[in-house]
């Protein structure tokens, strides 16, 4: 397999890095690690309160990617693959620690992420108050709805990719997003689009 030339990590295409590391390019592997490690740890921390174990899980995912690189599929959405791998590994960790009562189902994971819409987007105190209310509404959503919103608007995953990660069918994933947005829109009266605010949400 021919290795393509890569440059700065921020502008590198995941598919190029993926195919290069499959060909044994250690630099491509290091760049992929650098590009995705931080947001994978943040996502892992939303699924487990044990920060050190989360970091171990993320590092184990990357270790598996390198060790089993020759057997990896060529056509993958790298971010979705890595997020899903972290989620599954944390599920196995929880099962090992008997949190799941001897089940490896990822359905039992409690999503711990707290949305916080950037206040820099807000021009006046009235809207700021409404956004604070929206933050509360977001964080009061059921965990699965909140996780679906996070994956869609913070991580940019497609509905199909979310369905695969949450181990549900496409319609169920779409329903999670629809119900979450419906609940928010019932209460949100601001002038800024909810979708814009969701896309700007941070930890």
N, C-alpha and C. Protein backbone atom coordinates (compact mmCIF):
# COMPACT_ATOMS: atom_id res chain seq x y z
N UNK A 1 0.85 -1.20 0.00
CA UNK A 1 0.00 0.00 0.00
C UNK A 1 0.88 1.24 0.00
N UNK A 2 0.59 2.18 -0.89
CA UNK A 2 1.40 3.39 -1.00
C UNK A 2 1.05 4.37 0.10
N UNK A 3 2.06 4.93 0.76
CA UNK A 3 1.86 5.90 1.83
C UNK A 3 1.82 7.31 1.24
N UNK A 4 0.74 8.06 1.55
CA UNK A 4 0.61 9.42 1.06
C UNK A 4 1.29 10.39 2.01
N UNK A 5 1.75 11.49 1.47
CA UNK A 5 2.42 12.50 2.28
C UNK A 5 1.42 13.21 3.18
N UNK A 6 1.78 13.42 4.47
CA UNK A 6 0.92 14.12 5.41
C UNK A 6 1.61 15.35 5.94
N UNK A 7 0.81 16.33 6.40
CA UNK A 7 1.35 17.59 6.92
C UNK A 7 0.83 17.84 8.32
N UNK A 8 0.48 19.10 8.64
CA UNK A 8 0.09 19.48 10.00
C UNK A 8 -1.17 18.75 10.43
N UNK A 9 -1.22 18.37 11.70
CA UNK A 9 -2.29 17.53 12.21
C UNK A 9 -3.67 18.16 12.06
N UNK A 10 -3.77 19.48 12.18
CA UNK A 10 -5.08 20.12 12.14
C UNK A 10 -5.73 20.06 10.77
N UNK A 11 -4.95 19.90 9.71
CA UNK A 11 -5.53 19.91 8.38
C UNK A 11 -5.46 18.53 7.71
N UNK A 12 -5.01 17.55 8.46
CA UNK A 12 -4.87 16.22 7.89
C UNK A 12 -6.22 15.54 7.76
N UNK A 13 -6.39 14.83 6.68
CA UNK A 13 -7.61 14.06 6.44
C UNK A 13 -7.50 12.71 7.16
N UNK A 14 -8.56 12.37 7.90
CA UNK A 14 -8.54 11.12 8.65
C UNK A 14 -8.30 9.91 7.77
N UNK A 15 -8.90 9.90 6.60
CA UNK A 15 -8.78 8.72 5.73
C UNK A 15 -7.34 8.51 5.27
N UNK A 16 -6.61 9.62 5.05
CA UNK A 16 -5.20 9.50 4.67
C UNK A 16 -4.39 8.93 5.83
N UNK A 17 -4.60 9.49 7.02
CA UNK A 17 -3.89 8.98 8.20
C UNK A 17 -4.21 7.51 8.43
N UNK A 18 -5.48 7.16 8.30
CA UNK A 18 -5.92 5.78 8.53
C UNK A 18 -5.23 4.81 7.58
N UNK A 19 -5.26 5.13 6.30
CA UNK A 19 -4.65 4.24 5.31
C UNK A 19 -3.13 4.19 5.46
N UNK A 20 -2.53 5.31 5.86
CA UNK A 20 -1.08 5.30 6.07
C UNK A 20 -0.68 4.45 7.27
N UNK A 21 -1.45 4.57 8.36
CA UNK A 21 -1.09 3.75 9.53
C UNK A 21 -1.32 2.28 9.24
N UNK A 22 -2.33 1.97 8.42
CA UNK A 22 -2.55 0.58 8.03
C UNK A 22 -1.35 0.03 7.26
N UNK A 23 -0.65 0.94 6.58
CA UNK A 23 0.54 0.54 5.83
C UNK A 23 1.79 0.51 6.70
N UNK A 24 1.62 0.84 8.00
CA UNK A 24 2.75 0.75 8.92
C UNK A 24 3.44 2.07 9.20
N UNK A 25 2.81 3.18 8.84
CA UNK A 25 3.42 4.49 9.05
C UNK A 25 3.20 4.94 10.50
N UNK A 26 4.25 4.89 11.29
CA UNK A 26 4.15 5.26 12.71
C UNK A 26 3.83 6.74 12.89
N UNK A 27 4.32 7.59 12.00
CA UNK A 27 4.02 9.02 12.10
C UNK A 27 2.53 9.27 11.91
N UNK A 28 1.93 8.58 10.93
CA UNK A 28 0.49 8.73 10.71
C UNK A 28 -0.29 8.30 11.94
N UNK A 29 0.15 7.21 12.57
CA UNK A 29 -0.50 6.75 13.79
C UNK A 29 -0.38 7.80 14.89
N UNK A 30 0.80 8.37 15.06
CA UNK A 30 1.02 9.39 16.09
C UNK A 30 0.16 10.62 15.83
N UNK A 31 0.04 11.02 14.58
CA UNK A 31 -0.77 12.19 14.23
C UNK A 31 -2.25 11.93 14.47
N UNK A 32 -2.71 10.71 14.16
CA UNK A 32 -4.10 10.36 14.41
C UNK A 32 -4.38 10.39 15.91
N UNK A 33 -3.44 9.88 16.69
CA UNK A 33 -3.55 9.90 18.15
C UNK A 33 -3.65 11.34 18.64
N UNK A 34 -2.76 12.19 18.16
CA UNK A 34 -2.73 13.59 18.58
C UNK A 34 -4.03 14.31 18.20
N UNK A 35 -4.55 13.98 17.05
CA UNK A 35 -5.75 14.66 16.54
C UNK A 35 -7.00 14.29 17.34
N UNK A 36 -7.10 13.03 17.79
CA UNK A 36 -8.35 12.54 18.36
C UNK A 36 -8.31 12.26 19.86
N UNK A 37 -7.14 12.19 20.45
CA UNK A 37 -7.04 11.75 21.84
C UNK A 37 -7.89 12.60 22.80
N UNK A 38 -7.77 13.91 22.71
CA UNK A 38 -8.43 14.79 23.69
C UNK A 38 -9.94 14.65 23.66
N UNK A 39 -10.53 14.65 22.45
CA UNK A 39 -12.00 14.59 22.41
C UNK A 39 -12.51 13.18 22.75
N UNK A 40 -11.69 12.16 22.52
CA UNK A 40 -12.09 10.81 22.94
C UNK A 40 -12.08 10.69 24.46
N UNK A 41 -11.10 11.32 25.11
CA UNK A 41 -11.06 11.33 26.58
C UNK A 41 -12.26 12.09 27.13
N UNK A 42 -12.59 13.24 26.51
CA UNK A 42 -13.77 13.99 26.98
C UNK A 42 -15.04 13.16 26.85
N UNK A 43 -15.17 12.47 25.73
CA UNK A 43 -16.34 11.62 25.55
C UNK A 43 -16.33 10.48 26.57
N UNK A 44 -15.18 9.86 26.77
CA UNK A 44 -15.08 8.80 27.76
C UNK A 44 -15.44 9.27 29.15
N UNK A 45 -15.06 10.48 29.48
CA UNK A 45 -15.38 11.04 30.80
C UNK A 45 -16.87 11.29 30.96
N UNK A 46 -17.60 11.37 29.84
CA UNK A 46 -19.05 11.52 29.92
C UNK A 46 -19.73 10.18 30.18
N UNK A 47 -18.98 9.10 30.07
CA UNK A 47 -19.53 7.77 30.28
C UNK A 47 -19.03 7.12 31.56
N UNK A 48 -18.02 7.69 32.16
CA UNK A 48 -17.44 7.12 33.38
C UNK A 48 -16.85 8.24 34.23
N UNK A 49 -16.97 8.11 35.53
CA UNK A 49 -16.42 9.11 36.44
C UNK A 49 -14.98 8.79 36.85
N UNK A 50 -14.42 7.72 36.30
CA UNK A 50 -13.06 7.31 36.64
C UNK A 50 -12.10 7.80 35.55
N UNK A 51 -11.55 8.99 35.75
CA UNK A 51 -10.77 9.66 34.70
C UNK A 51 -9.56 8.85 34.26
N UNK A 52 -8.84 8.27 35.22
CA UNK A 52 -7.63 7.51 34.87
C UNK A 52 -7.97 6.27 34.05
N UNK A 53 -9.06 5.62 34.41
CA UNK A 53 -9.48 4.43 33.66
C UNK A 53 -9.93 4.81 32.26
N UNK A 54 -10.58 5.96 32.13
CA UNK A 54 -10.99 6.44 30.81
C UNK A 54 -9.76 6.64 29.92
N UNK A 55 -8.75 7.29 30.46
CA UNK A 55 -7.52 7.50 29.69
C UNK A 55 -6.90 6.17 29.28
N UNK A 56 -6.92 5.20 30.18
CA UNK A 56 -6.40 3.87 29.85
C UNK A 56 -7.21 3.24 28.72
N UNK A 57 -8.53 3.41 28.77
CA UNK A 57 -9.39 2.84 27.73
C UNK A 57 -9.07 3.45 26.37
N UNK A 58 -8.91 4.77 26.33
CA UNK A 58 -8.62 5.46 25.07
C UNK A 58 -7.26 4.99 24.54
N UNK A 59 -6.29 4.90 25.42
CA UNK A 59 -4.96 4.45 24.99
C UNK A 59 -5.01 3.00 24.50
N UNK A 60 -5.84 2.17 25.14
CA UNK A 60 -5.99 0.78 24.70
C UNK A 60 -6.62 0.71 23.32
N UNK A 61 -7.57 1.60 23.04
CA UNK A 61 -8.19 1.64 21.71
C UNK A 61 -7.13 1.92 20.65
N UNK A 62 -6.30 2.91 20.91
CA UNK A 62 -5.24 3.24 19.95
C UNK A 62 -4.22 2.10 19.83
N UNK A 63 -3.94 1.45 20.94
CA UNK A 63 -3.02 0.31 20.89
C UNK A 63 -3.57 -0.78 19.98
N UNK A 64 -4.87 -1.07 20.13
CA UNK A 64 -5.50 -2.09 19.28
C UNK A 64 -5.48 -1.67 17.82
N UNK A 65 -5.71 -0.38 17.56
CA UNK A 65 -5.67 0.10 16.18
C UNK A 65 -4.31 -0.19 15.56
N UNK A 66 -3.25 0.05 16.32
CA UNK A 66 -1.90 -0.19 15.77
C UNK A 66 -1.59 -1.68 15.65
N UNK A 67 -1.88 -2.43 16.70
CA UNK A 67 -1.54 -3.86 16.71
C UNK A 67 -2.29 -4.61 15.61
N UNK A 68 -3.57 -4.26 15.43
CA UNK A 68 -4.41 -4.98 14.47
C UNK A 68 -4.64 -4.17 13.18
N UNK A 69 -3.72 -3.28 12.88
CA UNK A 69 -3.90 -2.35 11.76
C UNK A 69 -4.10 -3.05 10.42
N UNK A 70 -3.45 -4.18 10.24
CA UNK A 70 -3.54 -4.85 8.94
C UNK A 70 -4.92 -5.45 8.69
N UNK A 71 -5.67 -5.69 9.74
CA UNK A 71 -7.00 -6.28 9.58
C UNK A 71 -8.13 -5.24 9.63
N UNK A 72 -7.78 -3.97 9.80
CA UNK A 72 -8.79 -2.92 9.86
C UNK A 72 -9.40 -2.68 8.48
N UNK A 73 -10.67 -2.29 8.48
CA UNK A 73 -11.33 -1.97 7.22
C UNK A 73 -10.73 -0.70 6.62
N UNK A 74 -10.66 -0.66 5.30
CA UNK A 74 -10.16 0.53 4.63
C UNK A 74 -11.16 1.68 4.69
N UNK A 75 -12.44 1.35 4.52
CA UNK A 75 -13.48 2.37 4.43
C UNK A 75 -14.20 2.51 5.76
N UNK A 76 -13.71 3.40 6.59
CA UNK A 76 -14.37 3.68 7.87
C UNK A 76 -14.43 5.19 8.08
N UNK A 77 -15.43 5.63 8.83
CA UNK A 77 -15.43 7.01 9.32
C UNK A 77 -14.64 6.99 10.62
N UNK A 78 -13.43 7.52 10.56
CA UNK A 78 -12.47 7.29 11.65
C UNK A 78 -12.99 7.80 12.99
N UNK A 79 -13.52 9.01 13.03
CA UNK A 79 -14.01 9.55 14.30
C UNK A 79 -15.10 8.67 14.89
N UNK A 80 -16.06 8.24 14.06
CA UNK A 80 -17.15 7.39 14.54
C UNK A 80 -16.60 6.05 15.04
N UNK A 81 -15.64 5.50 14.32
CA UNK A 81 -15.03 4.22 14.72
C UNK A 81 -14.35 4.35 16.08
N UNK A 82 -13.60 5.42 16.28
CA UNK A 82 -12.87 5.60 17.53
C UNK A 82 -13.83 5.86 18.69
N UNK A 83 -14.85 6.72 18.48
CA UNK A 83 -15.82 6.98 19.53
C UNK A 83 -16.54 5.71 19.93
N UNK A 84 -16.96 4.92 18.94
CA UNK A 84 -17.66 3.67 19.21
C UNK A 84 -16.75 2.69 19.96
N UNK A 85 -15.48 2.64 19.58
CA UNK A 85 -14.53 1.74 20.24
C UNK A 85 -14.34 2.12 21.70
N UNK A 86 -14.25 3.42 21.97
CA UNK A 86 -14.11 3.89 23.36
C UNK A 86 -15.35 3.52 24.16
N UNK A 87 -16.52 3.72 23.58
CA UNK A 87 -17.77 3.40 24.28
C UNK A 87 -17.84 1.92 24.64
N UNK A 88 -17.49 1.05 23.69
CA UNK A 88 -17.54 -0.39 23.93
C UNK A 88 -16.52 -0.82 24.97
N UNK A 89 -15.34 -0.20 24.92
CA UNK A 89 -14.31 -0.59 25.88
C UNK A 89 -14.69 -0.17 27.29
N UNK A 90 -15.31 0.99 27.43
CA UNK A 90 -15.76 1.43 28.76
C UNK A 90 -16.87 0.52 29.25
N UNK A 91 -17.73 0.05 28.34
CA UNK A 91 -18.77 -0.91 28.73
C UNK A 91 -18.15 -2.19 29.27
N UNK A 92 -17.10 -2.68 28.60
CA UNK A 92 -16.42 -3.88 29.08
C UNK A 92 -15.73 -3.63 30.43
N UNK A 93 -15.17 -2.43 30.58
CA UNK A 93 -14.54 -2.07 31.85
C UNK A 93 -15.56 -2.09 32.98
N UNK A 94 -16.72 -1.50 32.72
CA UNK A 94 -17.77 -1.46 33.73
C UNK A 94 -18.27 -2.87 34.08
N UNK A 95 -18.35 -3.70 33.05
CA UNK A 95 -18.77 -5.09 33.29
C UNK A 95 -17.75 -5.80 34.17
N UNK A 96 -16.49 -5.57 33.88
CA UNK A 96 -15.43 -6.20 34.68
C UNK A 96 -15.47 -5.74 36.13
N UNK A 97 -15.85 -4.48 36.32
CA UNK A 97 -15.92 -3.94 37.68
C UNK A 97 -17.28 -4.20 38.32
N UNK A 98 -18.10 -5.03 37.66
CA UNK A 98 -19.41 -5.45 38.18
C UNK A 98 -20.42 -4.31 38.30
N UNK A 99 -20.16 -3.22 37.60
CA UNK A 99 -21.13 -2.12 37.62
C UNK A 99 -22.37 -2.51 36.82
N UNK A 100 -22.14 -3.34 35.78
CA UNK A 100 -23.25 -3.73 34.91
C UNK A 100 -23.93 -5.03 35.34
N UNK A 101 -23.54 -5.56 36.48
CA UNK A 101 -24.12 -6.81 36.96
C UNK A 101 -24.03 -7.91 35.90
N UNK A 102 -22.79 -8.08 35.43
CA UNK A 102 -22.45 -9.16 34.51
C UNK A 102 -23.14 -9.03 33.15
N UNK A 103 -23.29 -7.84 32.65
CA UNK A 103 -23.76 -7.65 31.28
C UNK A 103 -22.82 -6.69 30.59
N UNK A 104 -22.57 -6.92 29.30
CA UNK A 104 -21.69 -6.04 28.54
C UNK A 104 -22.50 -5.07 27.68
N UNK A 105 -23.79 -4.97 27.92
CA UNK A 105 -24.64 -4.08 27.12
C UNK A 105 -24.26 -2.63 27.36
N UNK A 106 -24.10 -1.88 26.28
CA UNK A 106 -23.81 -0.45 26.41
C UNK A 106 -25.07 0.34 26.74
N UNK A 107 -26.24 -0.32 26.74
CA UNK A 107 -27.48 0.39 27.04
C UNK A 107 -27.48 0.94 28.45
N UNK A 108 -26.70 0.32 29.34
CA UNK A 108 -26.73 0.70 30.75
C UNK A 108 -25.81 1.88 31.08
N UNK A 109 -25.06 2.35 30.12
CA UNK A 109 -24.15 3.46 30.39
C UNK A 109 -24.94 4.73 30.68
N UNK A 110 -24.57 5.39 31.76
CA UNK A 110 -25.18 6.68 32.09
C UNK A 110 -24.34 7.79 31.47
N UNK A 111 -24.99 8.63 30.66
CA UNK A 111 -24.26 9.70 29.98
C UNK A 111 -24.14 10.88 30.94
N UNK A 112 -22.89 11.26 31.26
CA UNK A 112 -22.64 12.23 32.33
C UNK A 112 -22.30 13.63 31.82
N UNK A 113 -22.25 13.80 30.50
CA UNK A 113 -21.86 15.07 29.92
C UNK A 113 -22.81 16.19 30.31
N UNK A 114 -22.27 17.35 30.68
CA UNK A 114 -23.08 18.54 30.94
C UNK A 114 -22.89 19.53 29.81
N UNK A 115 -23.99 19.86 29.12
CA UNK A 115 -23.94 20.88 28.09
C UNK A 115 -23.73 22.24 28.72
N UNK A 116 -22.98 23.08 28.03
CA UNK A 116 -22.81 24.47 28.45
C UNK A 116 -22.66 25.33 27.21
N UNK A 117 -23.74 26.01 26.83
CA UNK A 117 -23.71 26.85 25.64
C UNK A 117 -22.81 28.05 25.88
N UNK A 118 -21.95 28.37 24.90
CA UNK A 118 -20.98 29.46 25.04
C UNK A 118 -21.69 30.80 25.27
N UNK A 119 -21.37 31.45 26.37
CA UNK A 119 -21.99 32.74 26.67
C UNK A 119 -21.48 33.85 25.76
N UNK A 120 -20.33 33.62 25.09
CA UNK A 120 -19.81 34.65 24.20
C UNK A 120 -20.74 34.92 23.03
N UNK A 121 -21.64 33.97 22.74
CA UNK A 121 -22.57 34.14 21.63
C UNK A 121 -23.72 35.07 22.01
N UNK A 122 -23.86 35.36 23.27
CA UNK A 122 -25.05 36.07 23.74
C UNK A 122 -24.79 37.57 23.84
N UNK A 123 -25.70 38.34 23.24
CA UNK A 123 -25.48 39.79 23.14
C UNK A 123 -26.17 40.58 24.25
N UNK A 124 -27.16 40.02 24.94
CA UNK A 124 -27.88 40.79 25.95
C UNK A 124 -28.27 39.89 27.11
N UNK A 125 -28.59 40.54 28.24
CA UNK A 125 -28.87 39.79 29.47
C UNK A 125 -30.15 38.96 29.35
N UNK A 126 -31.13 39.46 28.64
CA UNK A 126 -32.39 38.71 28.51
C UNK A 126 -32.14 37.39 27.80
N UNK A 127 -31.38 37.45 26.69
CA UNK A 127 -31.08 36.22 25.96
C UNK A 127 -30.17 35.32 26.78
N UNK A 128 -29.26 35.92 27.54
CA UNK A 128 -28.37 35.13 28.40
C UNK A 128 -29.17 34.31 29.40
N UNK A 129 -30.22 34.94 29.96
CA UNK A 129 -31.07 34.23 30.90
C UNK A 129 -31.78 33.06 30.24
N UNK A 130 -32.22 33.28 29.00
CA UNK A 130 -32.89 32.21 28.27
C UNK A 130 -31.93 31.07 27.96
N UNK A 131 -30.68 31.42 27.64
CA UNK A 131 -29.70 30.38 27.33
C UNK A 131 -29.35 29.59 28.59
N UNK A 132 -29.29 30.25 29.73
CA UNK A 132 -29.06 29.54 30.98
C UNK A 132 -30.19 28.53 31.22
N UNK A 133 -31.41 28.94 30.87
CA UNK A 133 -32.56 28.05 30.99
C UNK A 133 -32.41 26.88 30.01
N UNK A 134 -31.93 27.16 28.80
CA UNK A 134 -31.73 26.11 27.80
C UNK A 134 -30.68 25.11 28.29
N UNK A 135 -29.61 25.62 28.90
CA UNK A 135 -28.59 24.72 29.46
C UNK A 135 -29.21 23.74 30.46
N UNK A 136 -30.09 24.26 31.30
CA UNK A 136 -30.75 23.40 32.29
C UNK A 136 -31.64 22.37 31.60
N UNK A 137 -32.40 22.83 30.59
CA UNK A 137 -33.27 21.92 29.85
C UNK A 137 -32.46 20.80 29.20
N UNK A 138 -31.33 21.17 28.60
CA UNK A 138 -30.46 20.19 27.95
C UNK A 138 -30.00 19.13 28.95
N UNK A 139 -29.56 19.59 30.10
CA UNK A 139 -28.98 18.68 31.07
C UNK A 139 -30.02 17.88 31.84
N UNK A 140 -31.31 18.28 31.71
CA UNK A 140 -32.40 17.52 32.32
C UNK A 140 -32.97 16.47 31.37
N UNK A 141 -32.51 16.46 30.12
CA UNK A 141 -32.99 15.46 29.16
C UNK A 141 -32.56 14.06 29.60
N UNK A 142 -33.31 13.03 29.21
CA UNK A 142 -32.86 11.65 29.46
C UNK A 142 -31.47 11.43 28.86
N UNK A 143 -30.68 10.58 29.51
CA UNK A 143 -29.29 10.39 29.10
C UNK A 143 -29.12 10.02 27.64
N UNK A 144 -29.97 9.13 27.12
CA UNK A 144 -29.82 8.69 25.73
C UNK A 144 -30.09 9.84 24.76
N UNK A 145 -31.09 10.67 25.06
CA UNK A 145 -31.37 11.82 24.20
C UNK A 145 -30.21 12.80 24.24
N UNK A 146 -29.67 13.01 25.42
CA UNK A 146 -28.57 13.95 25.57
C UNK A 146 -27.33 13.45 24.83
N UNK A 147 -27.07 12.14 24.93
CA UNK A 147 -25.91 11.58 24.24
C UNK A 147 -26.09 11.66 22.73
N UNK A 148 -27.31 11.40 22.25
CA UNK A 148 -27.57 11.49 20.81
C UNK A 148 -27.33 12.91 20.31
N UNK A 149 -27.79 13.90 21.06
CA UNK A 149 -27.55 15.30 20.68
C UNK A 149 -26.06 15.60 20.66
N UNK A 150 -25.34 15.12 21.67
CA UNK A 150 -23.90 15.36 21.75
C UNK A 150 -23.19 14.78 20.53
N UNK A 151 -23.50 13.54 20.20
CA UNK A 151 -22.84 12.88 19.07
C UNK A 151 -23.18 13.56 17.75
N UNK A 152 -24.42 14.05 17.65
CA UNK A 152 -24.85 14.68 16.39
C UNK A 152 -24.26 16.07 16.22
N UNK A 153 -24.34 16.89 17.27
CA UNK A 153 -24.01 18.31 17.11
C UNK A 153 -22.64 18.70 17.65
N UNK A 154 -22.08 17.93 18.55
CA UNK A 154 -20.72 18.21 19.01
C UNK A 154 -19.68 17.42 18.24
N UNK A 155 -20.01 16.18 17.92
CA UNK A 155 -19.05 15.33 17.22
C UNK A 155 -19.34 15.21 15.73
N UNK A 156 -20.49 15.69 15.28
CA UNK A 156 -20.78 15.72 13.85
C UNK A 156 -21.07 14.36 13.24
N UNK A 157 -21.52 13.40 14.03
CA UNK A 157 -21.83 12.08 13.49
C UNK A 157 -23.18 12.09 12.79
N UNK A 158 -23.33 11.20 11.83
CA UNK A 158 -24.60 11.05 11.13
C UNK A 158 -25.56 10.24 12.00
N UNK A 159 -26.85 10.29 11.66
CA UNK A 159 -27.84 9.50 12.40
C UNK A 159 -27.50 8.01 12.32
N UNK A 160 -27.07 7.55 11.15
CA UNK A 160 -26.71 6.15 10.98
C UNK A 160 -25.54 5.76 11.89
N UNK A 161 -24.55 6.63 12.00
CA UNK A 161 -23.41 6.35 12.87
C UNK A 161 -23.82 6.35 14.34
N UNK A 162 -24.72 7.26 14.72
CA UNK A 162 -25.22 7.29 16.09
C UNK A 162 -25.98 6.00 16.41
N UNK A 163 -26.79 5.55 15.47
CA UNK A 163 -27.54 4.31 15.66
C UNK A 163 -26.60 3.15 15.90
N UNK A 164 -25.52 3.09 15.13
CA UNK A 164 -24.55 2.01 15.29
C UNK A 164 -23.87 2.09 16.65
N UNK A 165 -23.52 3.29 17.09
CA UNK A 165 -22.85 3.45 18.38
C UNK A 165 -23.75 3.08 19.55
N UNK A 166 -25.03 3.49 19.45
CA UNK A 166 -25.96 3.23 20.56
C UNK A 166 -26.63 1.87 20.45
N UNK A 167 -26.27 1.13 19.39
CA UNK A 167 -26.82 -0.22 19.19
C UNK A 167 -28.33 -0.21 19.05
N UNK A 168 -28.82 0.75 18.25
CA UNK A 168 -30.25 0.83 17.95
C UNK A 168 -30.39 0.96 16.44
N UNK A 169 -31.63 0.83 15.93
CA UNK A 169 -31.81 1.01 14.50
C UNK A 169 -31.87 2.50 14.14
N UNK A 170 -31.84 2.77 12.85
CA UNK A 170 -31.79 4.16 12.37
C UNK A 170 -32.99 4.96 12.89
N UNK A 171 -34.18 4.36 12.81
CA UNK A 171 -35.39 5.08 13.21
C UNK A 171 -35.37 5.42 14.70
N UNK A 172 -34.86 4.50 15.50
CA UNK A 172 -34.79 4.76 16.95
C UNK A 172 -33.84 5.91 17.26
N UNK A 173 -32.68 5.94 16.57
CA UNK A 173 -31.74 7.04 16.76
C UNK A 173 -32.35 8.35 16.31
N UNK A 174 -33.05 8.32 15.18
CA UNK A 174 -33.71 9.53 14.69
C UNK A 174 -34.78 10.00 15.67
N UNK A 175 -35.49 9.05 16.26
CA UNK A 175 -36.53 9.40 17.24
C UNK A 175 -35.93 10.03 18.49
N UNK A 176 -34.77 9.53 18.92
CA UNK A 176 -34.10 10.12 20.08
C UNK A 176 -33.79 11.59 19.84
N UNK A 177 -33.23 11.88 18.65
CA UNK A 177 -32.90 13.26 18.30
C UNK A 177 -34.16 14.11 18.18
N UNK A 178 -35.17 13.55 17.53
CA UNK A 178 -36.42 14.31 17.31
C UNK A 178 -37.09 14.65 18.64
N UNK A 179 -37.17 13.67 19.53
CA UNK A 179 -37.82 13.92 20.82
C UNK A 179 -37.04 14.94 21.65
N UNK A 180 -35.71 14.84 21.60
CA UNK A 180 -34.88 15.79 22.35
C UNK A 180 -35.10 17.21 21.85
N UNK A 181 -35.04 17.39 20.53
CA UNK A 181 -35.23 18.72 19.95
C UNK A 181 -36.65 19.24 20.18
N UNK A 182 -37.61 18.34 20.12
CA UNK A 182 -39.00 18.73 20.36
C UNK A 182 -39.17 19.24 21.78
N UNK A 183 -38.56 18.55 22.74
CA UNK A 183 -38.65 18.98 24.13
C UNK A 183 -38.00 20.35 24.33
N UNK A 184 -36.88 20.57 23.66
CA UNK A 184 -36.18 21.85 23.80
C UNK A 184 -36.97 22.99 23.14
N UNK A 185 -37.51 22.71 21.97
CA UNK A 185 -38.22 23.76 21.24
C UNK A 185 -39.51 24.20 21.93
N UNK A 186 -40.07 23.31 22.75
CA UNK A 186 -41.27 23.67 23.51
C UNK A 186 -40.98 24.80 24.48
N UNK A 187 -39.73 24.83 24.98
CA UNK A 187 -39.36 25.79 26.02
C UNK A 187 -38.51 26.94 25.51
N UNK A 188 -37.81 26.73 24.40
CA UNK A 188 -36.86 27.74 23.92
C UNK A 188 -37.58 28.83 23.14
N UNK A 189 -37.46 30.09 23.60
CA UNK A 189 -38.11 31.22 22.95
C UNK A 189 -37.10 32.24 22.42
N UNK A 190 -35.83 31.89 22.41
CA UNK A 190 -34.80 32.84 21.99
C UNK A 190 -34.74 33.02 20.48
N UNK A 191 -33.99 34.02 20.05
CA UNK A 191 -33.86 34.32 18.63
C UNK A 191 -32.78 33.50 17.94
N UNK A 192 -31.86 32.94 18.74
CA UNK A 192 -30.77 32.15 18.17
C UNK A 192 -31.24 30.72 17.98
N UNK A 193 -30.92 30.13 16.84
CA UNK A 193 -31.32 28.76 16.55
C UNK A 193 -30.77 27.80 17.59
N UNK A 194 -31.62 26.87 18.03
CA UNK A 194 -31.17 25.83 18.96
C UNK A 194 -30.01 25.06 18.37
N UNK A 195 -30.06 24.77 17.07
CA UNK A 195 -29.01 23.97 16.45
C UNK A 195 -27.67 24.70 16.49
N UNK A 196 -27.69 26.03 16.33
CA UNK A 196 -26.45 26.82 16.43
C UNK A 196 -25.90 26.71 17.85
N UNK A 197 -26.77 26.82 18.83
CA UNK A 197 -26.33 26.76 20.23
C UNK A 197 -25.80 25.38 20.57
N UNK A 198 -26.45 24.34 20.08
CA UNK A 198 -25.98 22.99 20.34
C UNK A 198 -24.61 22.76 19.74
N UNK A 199 -24.39 23.28 18.55
CA UNK A 199 -23.10 23.10 17.87
C UNK A 199 -21.99 23.84 18.59
N UNK A 200 -22.33 24.84 19.41
CA UNK A 200 -21.31 25.61 20.12
C UNK A 200 -21.14 25.14 21.56
N UNK A 201 -21.90 24.12 21.96
CA UNK A 201 -21.84 23.65 23.34
C UNK A 201 -20.46 23.07 23.63
N UNK A 202 -20.03 23.27 24.88
CA UNK A 202 -18.70 22.80 25.28
C UNK A 202 -18.82 22.11 26.63
N UNK A 203 -17.73 21.42 27.03
CA UNK A 203 -17.64 20.88 28.38
C UNK A 203 -17.33 21.99 29.35
